[in-house]
PDB file of all heavy atoms in Angstrom:
ATOM      1  N   GLU A   1      10.723  -0.317   2.210  1.00  0.00           N
ATOM      2  CA  GLU A   1       9.316  -0.524   2.464  1.00  0.00           C
ATOM      3  C   GLU A   1       8.625  -0.583   1.113  1.00  0.00           C
ATOM      4  O   GLU A   1       9.107   0.011   0.137  1.00  0.00           O
ATOM      5  CB  GLU A   1       8.714   0.598   3.329  1.00  0.00           C
ATOM      6  CG  GLU A   1       8.662   1.958   2.668  1.00  0.00           C
ATOM      7  CD  GLU A   1       8.036   3.021   3.559  1.00  0.00           C
ATOM      8  OE1 GLU A   1       7.986   2.826   4.785  1.00  0.00           O
ATOM      9  OE2 GLU A   1       7.586   4.047   3.006  1.00  0.00           O
ATOM     10  N   PRO A   2       7.521  -1.336   1.006  1.00  0.00           N
ATOM     11  CA  PRO A   2       6.808  -1.382  -0.266  1.00  0.00           C
ATOM     12  C   PRO A   2       6.452   0.030  -0.745  1.00  0.00           C
ATOM     13  O   PRO A   2       6.036   0.868   0.056  1.00  0.00           O
ATOM     14  CB  PRO A   2       5.561  -2.201   0.067  1.00  0.00           C
ATOM     15  CG  PRO A   2       5.996  -3.085   1.197  1.00  0.00           C
ATOM     16  CD  PRO A   2       6.920  -2.226   2.025  1.00  0.00           C
ATOM     17  N   ALA A   3       6.600   0.275  -2.024  1.00  0.00           N
ATOM     18  CA  ALA A   3       6.508   1.633  -2.581  1.00  0.00           C
ATOM     19  C   ALA A   3       5.060   2.067  -2.790  1.00  0.00           C
ATOM     20  O   ALA A   3       4.640   2.401  -3.909  1.00  0.00           O
ATOM     21  CB  ALA A   3       7.293   1.712  -3.881  1.00  0.00           C
ATOM     22  N   LEU A   4       4.294   2.117  -1.678  1.00  0.00           N
ATOM     23  CA  LEU A   4       2.887   2.484  -1.778  1.00  0.00           C
ATOM     24  C   LEU A   4       2.701   3.953  -2.132  1.00  0.00           C
ATOM     25  O   LEU A   4       1.799   4.294  -2.914  1.00  0.00           O
ATOM     26  CB  LEU A   4       2.176   2.174  -0.458  1.00  0.00           C
ATOM     27  CG  LEU A   4       1.554   0.782  -0.303  1.00  0.00           C
ATOM     28  CD1 LEU A   4       2.607  -0.305  -0.498  1.00  0.00           C
ATOM     29  CD2 LEU A   4       0.871   0.632   1.052  1.00  0.00           C
ATOM     30  N   LYS A   5       3.522   4.821  -1.567  1.00  0.00           N
ATOM     31  CA  LYS A   5       3.356   6.261  -1.828  1.00  0.00           C
ATOM     32  C   LYS A   5       3.588   6.597  -3.295  1.00  0.00           C
ATOM     33  O   LYS A   5       2.756   7.285  -3.913  1.00  0.00           O
ATOM     34  CB  LYS A   5       4.287   7.062  -0.921  1.00  0.00           C
ATOM     35  CG  LYS A   5       3.950   6.948   0.566  1.00  0.00           C
ATOM     36  CD  LYS A   5       4.962   7.685   1.425  1.00  0.00           C
ATOM     37  CE  LYS A   5       4.688   7.472   2.907  1.00  0.00           C
ATOM     38  NZ  LYS A   5       5.712   8.132   3.768  1.00  0.00           N
ATOM     39  N   PRO A   6       4.702   6.145  -3.897  1.00  0.00           N
ATOM     40  CA  PRO A   6       4.867   6.405  -5.330  1.00  0.00           C
ATOM     41  C   PRO A   6       3.742   5.793  -6.166  1.00  0.00           C
ATOM     42  O   PRO A   6       3.299   6.396  -7.150  1.00  0.00           O
ATOM     43  CB  PRO A   6       6.209   5.752  -5.659  1.00  0.00           C
ATOM     44  CG  PRO A   6       6.944   5.708  -4.373  1.00  0.00           C
ATOM     45  CD  PRO A   6       5.892   5.498  -3.319  1.00  0.00           C
ATOM     46  N   ALA A   7       3.275   4.607  -5.780  1.00  0.00           N
ATOM     47  CA  ALA A   7       2.197   3.964  -6.530  1.00  0.00           C
ATOM     48  C   ALA A   7       0.918   4.786  -6.476  1.00  0.00           C
ATOM     49  O   ALA A   7       0.221   4.951  -7.486  1.00  0.00           O
ATOM     50  CB  ALA A   7       1.953   2.561  -5.988  1.00  0.00           C
ATOM     51  N   ALA A   8       0.595   5.318  -5.292  1.00  0.00           N
ATOM     52  CA  ALA A   8      -0.608   6.137  -5.150  1.00  0.00           C
ATOM     53  C   ALA A   8      -0.522   7.392  -6.011  1.00  0.00           C
ATOM     54  O   ALA A   8      -1.529   7.852  -6.571  1.00  0.00           O
ATOM     55  CB  ALA A   8      -0.815   6.507  -3.687  1.00  0.00           C
ATOM     56  N   ALA A   9       0.673   7.943  -6.137  1.00  0.00           N
ATOM     57  CA  ALA A   9       0.846   9.147  -6.951  1.00  0.00           C
ATOM     58  C   ALA A   9       0.720   8.847  -8.440  1.00  0.00           C
ATOM     59  O   ALA A   9       0.309   9.721  -9.215  1.00  0.00           O
ATOM     60  CB  ALA A   9       2.210   9.771  -6.653  1.00  0.00           C
ATOM     61  N   LEU A  10       1.044   7.624  -8.844  1.00  0.00           N
ATOM     62  CA  LEU A  10       1.058   7.286 -10.268  1.00  0.00           C
ATOM     63  C   LEU A  10      -0.244   6.677 -10.763  1.00  0.00           C
ATOM     64  O   LEU A  10      -0.564   6.785 -11.953  1.00  0.00           O
ATOM     65  CB  LEU A  10       2.212   6.308 -10.542  1.00  0.00           C
ATOM     66  CG  LEU A  10       3.621   6.872 -10.424  1.00  0.00           C
ATOM     67  CD1 LEU A  10       4.644   5.741 -10.463  1.00  0.00           C
ATOM     68  CD2 LEU A  10       3.897   7.868 -11.537  1.00  0.00           C
ATOM     69  N   SER A  11      -0.995   6.028  -9.895  1.00  0.00           N
ATOM     70  CA  SER A  11      -2.185   5.300 -10.323  1.00  0.00           C
ATOM     71  C   SER A  11      -3.262   6.236 -10.865  1.00  0.00           C
ATOM     72  O   SER A  11      -3.544   7.285 -10.276  1.00  0.00           O
ATOM     73  CB  SER A  11      -2.750   4.485  -9.158  1.00  0.00           C
ATOM     74  OG  SER A  11      -3.958   3.846  -9.533  1.00  0.00           O
ATOM     75  N   LYS A  12      -3.862   5.846 -11.969  1.00  0.00           N
ATOM     76  CA  LYS A  12      -4.969   6.607 -12.557  1.00  0.00           C
ATOM     77  C   LYS A  12      -6.321   6.060 -12.128  1.00  0.00           C
ATOM     78  O   LYS A  12      -7.289   6.800 -11.993  1.00  0.00           O
ATOM     79  CB  LYS A  12      -4.876   6.580 -14.089  1.00  0.00           C
ATOM     80  CG  LYS A  12      -3.562   7.128 -14.651  1.00  0.00           C
ATOM     81  CD  LYS A  12      -3.340   8.581 -14.266  1.00  0.00           C
ATOM     82  CE  LYS A  12      -2.059   9.105 -14.917  1.00  0.00           C
ATOM     83  NZ  LYS A  12      -1.742  10.487 -14.474  1.00  0.00           N
ATOM     84  N   THR A  13      -6.410   4.741 -11.922  1.00  0.00           N
ATOM     85  CA  THR A  13      -7.683   4.144 -11.529  1.00  0.00           C
ATOM     86  C   THR A  13      -7.899   4.170 -10.025  1.00  0.00           C
ATOM     87  O   THR A  13      -9.014   3.949  -9.550  1.00  0.00           O
ATOM     88  CB  THR A  13      -7.765   2.676 -12.006  1.00  0.00           C
ATOM     89  OG1 THR A  13      -6.788   1.890 -11.289  1.00  0.00           O
ATOM     90  CG2 THR A  13      -7.508   2.570 -13.504  1.00  0.00           C
ATOM     91  N   GLY A  14      -6.822   4.405  -9.260  1.00  0.00           N
ATOM     92  CA  GLY A  14      -6.941   4.422  -7.803  1.00  0.00           C
ATOM     93  C   GLY A  14      -6.990   3.042  -7.186  1.00  0.00           C
ATOM     94  O   GLY A  14      -7.252   2.899  -5.996  1.00  0.00           O
ATOM     95  N   ARG A  15      -6.718   1.999  -7.982  1.00  0.00           N
ATOM     96  CA  ARG A  15      -6.661   0.629  -7.455  1.00  0.00           C
ATOM     97  C   ARG A  15      -5.259   0.085  -7.675  1.00  0.00           C
ATOM     98  O   ARG A  15      -4.770   0.029  -8.808  1.00  0.00           O
ATOM     99  CB  ARG A  15      -7.700  -0.286  -8.121  1.00  0.00           C
ATOM    100  CG  ARG A  15      -9.134   0.197  -7.951  1.00  0.00           C
ATOM    101  CD  ARG A  15     -10.134  -0.909  -8.291  1.00  0.00           C
ATOM    102  NE  ARG A  15     -10.287  -1.849  -7.189  1.00  0.00           N
ATOM    103  CZ  ARG A  15     -10.282  -3.173  -7.336  1.00  0.00           C
ATOM    104  NH1 ARG A  15     -10.059  -3.719  -8.505  1.00  0.00           N
ATOM    105  NH2 ARG A  15     -10.457  -3.964  -6.284  1.00  0.00           N
ATOM    106  N   ILE A  16      -4.625  -0.308  -6.581  1.00  0.00           N
ATOM    107  CA  ILE A  16      -3.212  -0.682  -6.599  1.00  0.00           C
ATOM    108  C   ILE A  16      -3.042  -2.057  -5.969  1.00  0.00           C
ATOM    109  O   ILE A  16      -3.523  -2.302  -4.854  1.00  0.00           O
ATOM    110  CB  ILE A  16      -2.373   0.355  -5.822  1.00  0.00           C
ATOM    111  CG1 ILE A  16      -2.470   1.731  -6.505  1.00  0.00           C
ATOM    112  CG2 ILE A  16      -0.927  -0.090  -5.687  1.00  0.00           C
ATOM    113  CD1 ILE A  16      -1.969   2.864  -5.649  1.00  0.00           C
ATOM    114  N   GLY A  17      -2.358  -2.940  -6.661  1.00  0.00           N
ATOM    115  CA  GLY A  17      -2.035  -4.244  -6.113  1.00  0.00           C
ATOM    116  C   GLY A  17      -0.708  -4.201  -5.384  1.00  0.00           C
ATOM    117  O   GLY A  17       0.217  -3.505  -5.799  1.00  0.00           O
ATOM    118  N   VAL A  18      -0.618  -4.940  -4.291  1.00  0.00           N
ATOM    119  CA  VAL A  18       0.623  -5.027  -3.517  1.00  0.00           C
ATOM    120  C   VAL A  18       0.894  -6.496  -3.249  1.00  0.00           C
ATOM    121  O   VAL A  18       0.080  -7.185  -2.641  1.00  0.00           O
ATOM    122  CB  VAL A  18       0.527  -4.279  -2.176  1.00  0.00           C
ATOM    123  CG1 VAL A  18       1.879  -4.275  -1.467  1.00  0.00           C
ATOM    124  CG2 VAL A  18       0.006  -2.860  -2.368  1.00  0.00           C
ATOM    125  N   ILE A  19       2.051  -6.985  -3.719  1.00  0.00           N
ATOM    126  CA  ILE A  19       2.444  -8.364  -3.422  1.00  0.00           C
ATOM    127  C   ILE A  19       3.707  -8.340  -2.567  1.00  0.00           C
ATOM    128  O   ILE A  19       4.570  -7.482  -2.725  1.00  0.00           O
ATOM    129  CB  ILE A  19       2.664  -9.198  -4.693  1.00  0.00           C
ATOM    130  CG1 ILE A  19       3.681  -8.538  -5.636  1.00  0.00           C
ATOM    131  CG2 ILE A  19       1.339  -9.434  -5.418  1.00  0.00           C
ATOM    132  CD1 ILE A  19       4.015  -9.377  -6.863  1.00  0.00           C
ATOM    133  N   GLY A  20       3.779  -9.272  -1.629  1.00  0.00           N
ATOM    134  CA  GLY A  20       4.926  -9.331  -0.731  1.00  0.00           C
ATOM    135  C   GLY A  20       4.864 -10.598   0.087  1.00  0.00           C
ATOM    136  O   GLY A  20       3.945 -11.417  -0.055  1.00  0.00           O
ATOM    137  N   THR A  21       5.840 -10.770   0.962  1.00  0.00           N
ATOM    138  CA  THR A  21       5.802 -11.918   1.863  1.00  0.00           C
ATOM    139  C   THR A  21       4.792 -11.645   2.978  1.00  0.00           C
ATOM    140  O   THR A  21       4.449 -10.494   3.275  1.00  0.00           O
ATOM    141  CB  THR A  21       7.174 -12.181   2.492  1.00  0.00           C
ATOM    142  OG1 THR A  21       7.520 -11.086   3.356  1.00  0.00           O
ATOM    143  CG2 THR A  21       8.244 -12.350   1.426  1.00  0.00           C
ATOM    144  N   ARG A  22       4.337 -12.698   3.596  1.00  0.00           N
ATOM    145  CA  ARG A  22       3.370 -12.543   4.691  1.00  0.00           C
ATOM    146  C   ARG A  22       3.993 -11.753   5.842  1.00  0.00           C
ATOM    147  O   ARG A  22       3.326 -10.947   6.490  1.00  0.00           O
ATOM    148  CB  ARG A  22       2.900 -13.922   5.157  1.00  0.00           C
ATOM    149  CG  ARG A  22       1.713 -13.879   6.105  1.00  0.00           C
ATOM    150  CD  ARG A  22       1.131 -15.273   6.299  1.00  0.00           C
ATOM    151  NE  ARG A  22       0.579 -15.800   5.055  1.00  0.00           N
ATOM    152  CZ  ARG A  22      -0.661 -15.543   4.618  1.00  0.00           C
ATOM    153  NH1 ARG A  22      -1.461 -14.766   5.320  1.00  0.00           N
ATOM    154  NH2 ARG A  22      -1.079 -16.060   3.488  1.00  0.00           N
ATOM    155  N   GLY A  23       5.306 -11.971   6.098  1.00  0.00           N
ATOM    156  CA  GLY A  23       5.976 -11.247   7.176  1.00  0.00           C
ATOM    157  C   GLY A  23       5.956  -9.751   6.965  1.00  0.00           C
ATOM    158  O   GLY A  23       5.771  -8.970   7.908  1.00  0.00           O
ATOM    159  N   THR A  24       6.154  -9.322   5.724  1.00  0.00           N
ATOM    160  CA  THR A  24       6.117  -7.886   5.417  1.00  0.00           C
ATOM    161  C   THR A  24       4.711  -7.338   5.502  1.00  0.00           C
ATOM    162  O   THR A  24       4.469  -6.298   6.136  1.00  0.00           O
ATOM    163  CB  THR A  24       6.682  -7.635   4.004  1.00  0.00           C
ATOM    164  OG1 THR A  24       8.065  -7.980   3.978  1.00  0.00           O
ATOM    165  CG2 THR A  24       6.533  -6.173   3.604  1.00  0.00           C
ATOM    166  N   LEU A  25       3.764  -8.020   4.880  1.00  0.00           N
ATOM    167  CA  LEU A  25       2.421  -7.470   4.724  1.00  0.00           C
ATOM    168  C   LEU A  25       1.575  -7.558   5.986  1.00  0.00           C
ATOM    169  O   LEU A  25       0.527  -6.911   6.076  1.00  0.00           O
ATOM    170  CB  LEU A  25       1.707  -8.163   3.563  1.00  0.00           C
ATOM    171  CG  LEU A  25       2.407  -8.026   2.200  1.00  0.00           C
ATOM    172  CD1 LEU A  25       1.575  -8.688   1.107  1.00  0.00           C
ATOM    173  CD2 LEU A  25       2.678  -6.570   1.852  1.00  0.00           C
ATOM    174  N   THR A  26       2.016  -8.336   6.981  1.00  0.00           N
ATOM    175  CA  THR A  26       1.292  -8.391   8.259  1.00  0.00           C
ATOM    176  C   THR A  26       2.033  -7.638   9.358  1.00  0.00           C
ATOM    177  O   THR A  26       1.624  -7.675  10.516  1.00  0.00           O
ATOM    178  CB  THR A  26       1.075  -9.849   8.702  1.00  0.00           C
ATOM    179  OG1 THR A  26       2.336 -10.505   8.846  1.00  0.00           O
ATOM    180  CG2 THR A  26       0.228 -10.604   7.695  1.00  0.00           C
ATOM    181  N   SER A  27       3.106  -6.926   8.995  1.00  0.00           N
ATOM    182  CA  SER A  27       3.900  -6.217  10.003  1.00  0.00           C
ATOM    183  C   SER A  27       3.205  -4.926  10.442  1.00  0.00           C
ATOM    184  O   SER A  27       2.386  -4.347   9.720  1.00  0.00           O
ATOM    185  CB  SER A  27       5.279  -5.860   9.439  1.00  0.00           C
ATOM    186  OG  SER A  27       5.176  -4.894   8.401  1.00  0.00           O
ATOM    187  N   GLU A  28       3.542  -4.476  11.637  1.00  0.00           N
ATOM    188  CA  GLU A  28       3.001  -3.208  12.134  1.00  0.00           C
ATOM    189  C   GLU A  28       3.444  -2.039  11.257  1.00  0.00           C
ATOM    190  O   GLU A  28       2.689  -1.100  11.022  1.00  0.00           O
ATOM    191  CB  GLU A  28       3.442  -2.977  13.580  1.00  0.00           C
ATOM    192  CG  GLU A  28       2.801  -3.913  14.589  1.00  0.00           C
ATOM    193  CD  GLU A  28       3.195  -3.554  16.018  1.00  0.00           C
ATOM    194  OE1 GLU A  28       3.717  -2.442  16.224  1.00  0.00           O
ATOM    195  OE2 GLU A  28       2.978  -4.389  16.906  1.00  0.00           O
ATOM    196  N   LYS A  29       4.690  -2.101  10.786  1.00  0.00           N
ATOM    197  CA  LYS A  29       5.203  -1.026   9.949  1.00  0.00           C
ATOM    198  C   LYS A  29       4.388  -0.893   8.667  1.00  0.00           C
ATOM    199  O   LYS A  29       4.038   0.218   8.253  1.00  0.00           O
ATOM    200  CB  LYS A  29       6.676  -1.279   9.612  1.00  0.00           C
ATOM    201  CG  LYS A  29       7.321  -0.149   8.818  1.00  0.00           C
ATOM    202  CD  LYS A  29       8.797  -0.406   8.550  1.00  0.00           C
ATOM    203  CE  LYS A  29       9.413   0.738   7.760  1.00  0.00           C
ATOM    204  NZ  LYS A  29      10.831   0.473   7.430  1.00  0.00           N
ATOM    205  N   PHE A  30       4.043  -2.021   8.039  1.00  0.00           N
ATOM    206  CA  PHE A  30       3.235  -1.964   6.820  1.00  0.00           C
ATOM    207  C   PHE A  30       1.830  -1.471   7.134  1.00  0.00           C
ATOM    208  O   PHE A  30       1.257  -0.682   6.365  1.00  0.00           O
ATOM    209  CB  PHE A  30       3.177  -3.338   6.156  1.00  0.00           C
ATOM    210  CG  PHE A  30       2.386  -3.334   4.873  1.00  0.00           C
ATOM    211  CD1 PHE A  30       2.944  -2.852   3.698  1.00  0.00           C
ATOM    212  CD2 PHE A  30       1.082  -3.807   4.851  1.00  0.00           C
ATOM    213  CE1 PHE A  30       2.210  -2.828   2.520  1.00  0.00           C
ATOM    214  CE2 PHE A  30       0.342  -3.800   3.676  1.00  0.00           C
ATOM    215  CZ  PHE A  30       0.915  -3.306   2.509  1.00  0.00           C
ATOM    216  N   SER A  31       1.275  -1.897   8.251  1.00  0.00           N
ATOM    217  CA  SER A  31      -0.059  -1.442   8.636  1.00  0.00           C
ATOM    218  C   SER A  31      -0.096   0.071   8.815  1.00  0.00           C
ATOM    219  O   SER A  31      -1.051   0.744   8.399  1.00  0.00           O
ATOM    220  CB  SER A  31      -0.513  -2.128   9.927  1.00  0.00           C
ATOM    221  OG  SER A  31      -0.651  -3.516   9.728  1.00  0.00           O
ATOM    222  N   ARG A  32       0.950   0.625   9.423  1.00  0.00           N
ATOM    223  CA  ARG A  32       1.017   2.079   9.591  1.00  0.00           C
ATOM    224  C   ARG A  32       1.152   2.783   8.243  1.00  0.00           C
ATOM    225  O   ARG A  32       0.530   3.832   8.013  1.00  0.00           O
ATOM    226  CB  ARG A  32       2.189   2.454  10.505  1.00  0.00           C
ATOM    227  CG  ARG A  32       2.003   2.050  11.958  1.00  0.00           C
ATOM    228  CD  ARG A  32       3.022   2.739  12.866  1.00  0.00           C
ATOM    229  NE  ARG A  32       4.395   2.386  12.515  1.00  0.00           N
ATOM    230  CZ  ARG A  32       5.042   1.346  13.039  1.00  0.00           C
ATOM    231  NH1 ARG A  32       4.446   0.568  13.936  1.00  0.00           N
ATOM    232  NH2 ARG A  32       6.287   1.081  12.693  1.00  0.00           N
ATOM    233  N   LEU A  33       1.961   2.207   7.352  1.00  0.00           N
ATOM    234  CA  LEU A  33       2.115   2.795   6.026  1.00  0.00           C
ATOM    235  C   LEU A  33       0.786   2.783   5.280  1.00  0.00           C
ATOM    236  O   LEU A  33       0.395   3.791   4.666  1.00  0.00           O
ATOM    237  CB  LEU A  33       3.175   2.011   5.243  1.00  0.00           C
ATOM    238  CG  LEU A  33       3.401   2.416   3.786  1.00  0.00           C
ATOM    239  CD1 LEU A  33       3.888   3.853   3.691  1.00  0.00           C
ATOM    240  CD2 LEU A  33       4.394   1.464   3.119  1.00  0.00           C
ATOM    241  N   LEU A  34       0.085   1.679   5.348  1.00  0.00           N
ATOM    242  CA  LEU A  34      -1.211   1.565   4.678  1.00  0.00           C
ATOM    243  C   LEU A  34      -2.205   2.572   5.255  1.00  0.00           C
ATOM    244  O   LEU A  34      -2.924   3.256   4.512  1.00  0.00           O
ATOM    245  CB  LEU A  34      -1.730   0.132   4.851  1.00  0.00           C
ATOM    246  CG  LEU A  34      -2.749  -0.400   3.849  1.00  0.00           C
ATOM    247  CD1 LEU A  34      -2.189  -0.366   2.434  1.00  0.00           C
ATOM    248  CD2 LEU A  34      -3.122  -1.830   4.222  1.00  0.00           C
ATOM    249  N   ALA A  35      -2.228   2.696   6.585  1.00  0.00           N
ATOM    250  CA  ALA A  35      -3.153   3.630   7.232  1.00  0.00           C
ATOM    251  C   ALA A  35      -2.847   5.078   6.862  1.00  0.00           C
ATOM    252  O   ALA A  35      -3.760   5.908   6.742  1.00  0.00           O
ATOM    253  CB  ALA A  35      -3.096   3.447   8.748  1.00  0.00           C
ATOM    254  N   SER A  36      -1.567   5.382   6.656  1.00  0.00           N
ATOM    255  CA  SER A  36      -1.183   6.760   6.320  1.00  0.00           C
ATOM    256  C   SER A  36      -1.674   7.181   4.951  1.00  0.00           C
ATOM    257  O   SER A  36      -1.734   8.379   4.647  1.00  0.00           O
ATOM    258  CB  SER A  36       0.346   6.908   6.384  1.00  0.00           C
ATOM    259  OG  SER A  36       0.970   6.276   5.282  1.00  0.00           O
ATOM    260  N   LEU A  37      -2.058   6.217   4.130  1.00  0.00           N
ATOM    261  CA  LEU A  37      -2.521   6.518   2.770  1.00  0.00           C
ATOM    262  C   LEU A  37      -4.014   6.291   2.605  1.00  0.00           C
ATOM    263  O   LEU A  37      -4.524   6.252   1.482  1.00  0.00           O
ATOM    264  CB  LEU A  37      -1.748   5.657   1.766  1.00  0.00           C
ATOM    265  CG  LEU A  37      -0.237   5.921   1.713  1.00  0.00           C
ATOM    266  CD1 LEU A  37       0.471   4.848   0.914  1.00  0.00           C
ATOM    267  CD2 LEU A  37       0.053   7.300   1.134  1.00  0.00           C
ATOM    268  N   ALA A  38      -4.720   6.158   3.719  1.00  0.00           N
ATOM    269  CA  ALA A  38      -6.168   5.938   3.668  1.00  0.00           C
ATOM    270  C   ALA A  38      -6.840   7.062   2.882  1.00  0.00           C
ATOM    271  O   ALA A  38      -6.575   8.240   3.099  1.00  0.00           O
ATOM    272  CB  ALA A  38      -6.733   5.869   5.083  1.00  0.00           C
ATOM    273  N   GLY A  39      -7.689   6.669   1.954  1.00  0.00           N
ATOM    274  CA  GLY A  39      -8.416   7.649   1.147  1.00  0.00           C
ATOM    275  C   GLY A  39      -7.700   8.070  -0.116  1.00  0.00           C
ATOM    276  O   GLY A  39      -8.325   8.676  -1.005  1.00  0.00           O
ATOM    277  N   GLN A  40      -6.410   7.758  -0.225  1.00  0.00           N
ATOM    278  CA  GLN A  40      -5.668   8.163  -1.424  1.00  0.00           C
ATOM    279  C   GLN A  40      -5.779   7.139  -2.549  1.00  0.00           C
ATOM    280  O   GLN A  40      -5.632   7.482  -3.729  1.00  0.00           O
ATOM    281  CB  GLN A  40      -4.197   8.390  -1.078  1.00  0.00           C
ATOM    282  CG  GLN A  40      -3.976   9.536  -0.107  1.00  0.00           C
ATOM    283  CD  GLN A  40      -2.503   9.856   0.065  1.00  0.00           C
ATOM    284  OE1 GLN A  40      -1.710   9.708  -0.852  1.00  0.00           O
ATOM    285  NE2 GLN A  40      -2.128  10.291   1.268  1.00  0.00           N
ATOM    286  N   ALA A  41      -6.000   5.880  -2.182  1.00  0.00           N
ATOM    287  CA  ALA A  41      -6.134   4.815  -3.175  1.00  0.00           C
ATOM    288  C   ALA A  41      -6.681   3.582  -2.470  1.00  0.00           C
ATOM    289  O   ALA A  41      -6.685   3.499  -1.237  1.00  0.00           O
ATOM    290  CB  ALA A  41      -4.791   4.499  -3.833  1.00  0.00           C
ATOM    291  N   GLU A  42      -7.126   2.617  -3.256  1.00  0.00           N
ATOM    292  CA  GLU A  42      -7.526   1.320  -2.719  1.00  0.00           C
ATOM    293  C   GLU A  42      -6.384   0.342  -2.977  1.00  0.00           C
ATOM    294  O   GLU A  42      -5.946   0.179  -4.116  1.00  0.00           O
ATOM    295  CB  GLU A  42      -8.796   0.822  -3.397  1.00  0.00           C
ATOM    296  CG  GLU A  42      -9.256  -0.541  -2.897  1.00  0.00           C
ATOM    297  CD  GLU A  42     -10.446  -1.087  -3.666  1.00  0.00           C
ATOM    298  OE1 GLU A  42     -10.931  -0.397  -4.584  1.00  0.00           O
ATOM    299  OE2 GLU A  42     -10.877  -2.213  -3.354  1.00  0.00           O
ATOM    300  N   PHE A  43      -5.907  -0.302  -1.913  1.00  0.00           N
ATOM    301  CA  PHE A  43      -4.786  -1.221  -2.036  1.00  0.00           C
ATOM    302  C   PHE A  43      -5.280  -2.657  -1.877  1.00  0.00           C
ATOM    303  O   PHE A  43      -5.895  -3.000  -0.864  1.00  0.00           O
ATOM    304  CB  PHE A  43      -3.726  -0.910  -0.979  1.00  0.00           C
ATOM    305  CG  PHE A  43      -3.065   0.431  -1.178  1.00  0.00           C
ATOM    306  CD1 PHE A  43      -3.525   1.555  -0.510  1.00  0.00           C
ATOM    307  CD2 PHE A  43      -1.993   0.563  -2.057  1.00  0.00           C
ATOM    308  CE1 PHE A  43      -2.933   2.792  -0.694  1.00  0.00           C
ATOM    309  CE2 PHE A  43      -1.390   1.792  -2.246  1.00  0.00           C
ATOM    310  CZ  PHE A  43      -1.855   2.917  -1.568  1.00  0.00           C
ATOM    311  N   ILE A  44      -5.025  -3.470  -2.878  1.00  0.00           N
ATOM    312  CA  ILE A  44      -5.358  -4.889  -2.832  1.00  0.00           C
ATOM    313  C   ILE A  44      -4.079  -5.629  -2.459  1.00  0.00           C
ATOM    314  O   ILE A  44      -3.134  -5.716  -3.255  1.00  0.00           O
ATOM    315  CB  ILE A  44      -5.915  -5.377  -4.187  1.00  0.00           C
ATOM    316  CG1 ILE A  44      -7.234  -4.676  -4.494  1.00  0.00           C
ATOM    317  CG2 ILE A  44      -6.115  -6.878  -4.170  1.00  0.00           C
ATOM    318  CD1 ILE A  44      -7.108  -3.340  -5.173  1.00  0.00           C
ATOM    319  N   VAL A  45      -4.041  -6.129  -1.232  1.00  0.00           N
ATOM    320  CA  VAL A  45      -2.809  -6.673  -0.650  1.00  0.00           C
ATOM    321  C   VAL A  45      -2.839  -8.202  -0.730  1.00  0.00           C
ATOM    322  O   VAL A  45      -3.788  -8.834  -0.268  1.00  0.00           O
ATOM    323  CB  VAL A  45      -2.658  -6.210   0.814  1.00  0.00           C
ATOM    324  CG1 VAL A  45      -1.430  -6.826   1.444  1.00  0.00           C
ATOM    325  CG2 VAL A  45      -2.590  -4.683   0.871  1.00  0.00           C
TER     326      VAL A  45
END
């Protein structure tokens, strides 16, 4: 899965870019992962 959790722990500005295929980034699994990190960082997908 895209490494959002490690990225959130490492980011200093709180803004994180995420690049991937459309199939990955529009999947339910990715949506749940993104929702689980709400408030921890801003993700630009």
